[in-house]
C-alpha atoms as a PDB file:
ATOM      1  CA  MET A   1     102.032  82.530  22.211  1.00  0.00           C
ATOM      2  CA  PRO A   2     102.731  80.206  19.308  1.00  0.00           C
ATOM      3  CA  PRO A   3     101.360  80.957  15.975  1.00  0.00           C
ATOM      4  CA  PRO A   4      98.133  79.001  14.967  1.00  0.00           C
ATOM      5  CA  GLY A   5      99.067  75.603  13.527  1.00  0.00           C
ATOM      6  CA  HIS A   6     102.579  75.700  14.678  1.00  0.00           C
ATOM      7  CA  GLY A   7     102.197  72.758  17.023  1.00  0.00           C
ATOM      8  CA  THR A   8     102.685  72.397  20.779  1.00  0.00           C
ATOM      9  CA  HIS A   9     105.128  74.813  22.487  1.00  0.00           C
ATOM     10  CA  ARG A  10     106.622  74.203  25.917  1.00  0.00           C
ATOM     11  CA  TYR A  11     107.121  76.958  28.441  1.00  0.00           C
ATOM     12  CA  PHE A  12     109.511  76.461  31.369  1.00  0.00           C
ATOM     13  CA  PHE A  13     109.220  78.351  34.723  1.00  0.00           C
ATOM     14  CA  ARG A  14     111.764  78.109  37.500  1.00  0.00           C
ATOM     15  CA  LEU A  15     111.229  79.413  41.136  1.00  0.00           C
ATOM     16  CA  TRP A  16     113.813  79.667  43.764  1.00  0.00           C
ATOM     17  CA  ALA A  17     113.602  80.384  47.563  1.00  0.00           C
ATOM     18  CA  VAL A  18     116.808  82.212  48.438  1.00  0.00           C
ATOM     19  CA  SER A  19     118.549  83.019  51.756  1.00  0.00           C
ATOM     20  CA  GLU A  20     119.201  86.605  50.660  1.00  0.00           C
ATOM     21  CA  THR A  21     118.510  88.856  47.699  1.00  0.00           C
ATOM     22  CA  PRO A  22     120.813  87.967  44.821  1.00  0.00           C
ATOM     23  CA  PRO A  23     123.125  90.853  43.438  1.00  0.00           C
ATOM     24  CA  LEU A  24     121.166  91.351  40.158  1.00  0.00           C
ATOM     25  CA  HIS A  25     120.841  94.659  38.338  1.00  0.00           C
ATOM     26  CA  GLY A  26     119.100  95.756  35.256  1.00  0.00           C
ATOM     27  CA  LYS A  27     117.922  93.030  33.019  1.00  0.00           C
ATOM     28  CA  PRO A  28     119.987  90.008  33.941  1.00  0.00           C
ATOM     29  CA  THR A  29     120.455  87.086  31.589  1.00  0.00           C
ATOM     30  CA  VAL A  30     119.320  83.517  32.548  1.00  0.00           C
ATOM     31  CA  ASP A  31     123.036  82.688  33.141  1.00  0.00           C
ATOM     32  CA  ALA A  32     123.515  85.691  35.466  1.00  0.00           C
ATOM     33  CA  VAL A  33     120.505  84.680  37.435  1.00  0.00           C
ATOM     34  CA  HIS A  34     121.716  81.071  37.809  1.00  0.00           C
ATOM     35  CA  ARG A  35     125.148  82.327  38.950  1.00  0.00           C
ATOM     36  CA  ALA A  36     123.629  84.837  41.427  1.00  0.00           C
ATOM     37  CA  VAL A  37     121.361  82.164  43.018  1.00  0.00           C
ATOM     38  CA  LYS A  38     124.010  79.581  43.427  1.00  0.00           C
ATOM     39  CA  GLY A  39     124.975  79.168  47.030  1.00  0.00           C
ATOM     40  CA  ARG A  40     121.782  81.026  48.160  1.00  0.00           C
ATOM     41  CA  GLU A  41     119.214  78.389  47.247  1.00  0.00           C
ATOM     42  CA  LEU A  42     117.015  77.077  50.087  1.00  0.00           C
ATOM     43  CA  ALA A  43     114.537  75.395  47.745  1.00  0.00           C
ATOM     44  CA  SER A  44     113.558  75.365  44.080  1.00  0.00           C
ATOM     45  CA  GLY A  45     110.872  74.084  41.803  1.00  0.00           C
ATOM     46  CA  ALA A  46     110.128  73.930  38.131  1.00  0.00           C
ATOM     47  CA  LEU A  47     106.878  73.963  36.102  1.00  0.00           C
ATOM     48  CA  VAL A  48     106.700  72.997  32.471  1.00  0.00           C
ATOM     49  CA  GLY A  49     103.482  74.011  30.681  1.00  0.00           C
ATOM     50  CA  THR A  50     102.449  73.243  27.085  1.00  0.00           C
ATOM     51  CA  TYR A  51     100.120  75.253  24.820  1.00  0.00           C
ATOM     52  CA  GLN A  52      98.971  74.812  21.324  1.00  0.00           C
ATOM     53  CA  ARG A  53      96.655  76.977  19.183  1.00  0.00           C
END
């Protein structure tokens, strides 16, 4: 949540449909998720939301 008066913030959400469970363990980084999903993608989508207080 952005601090009051800090302007509009953008939030990015990415969703994948995959052919099999990617080999991820623990708390993977964004790069690790992208590498794990590569080659398993059936479909994907993105949502960008904005919020300002």
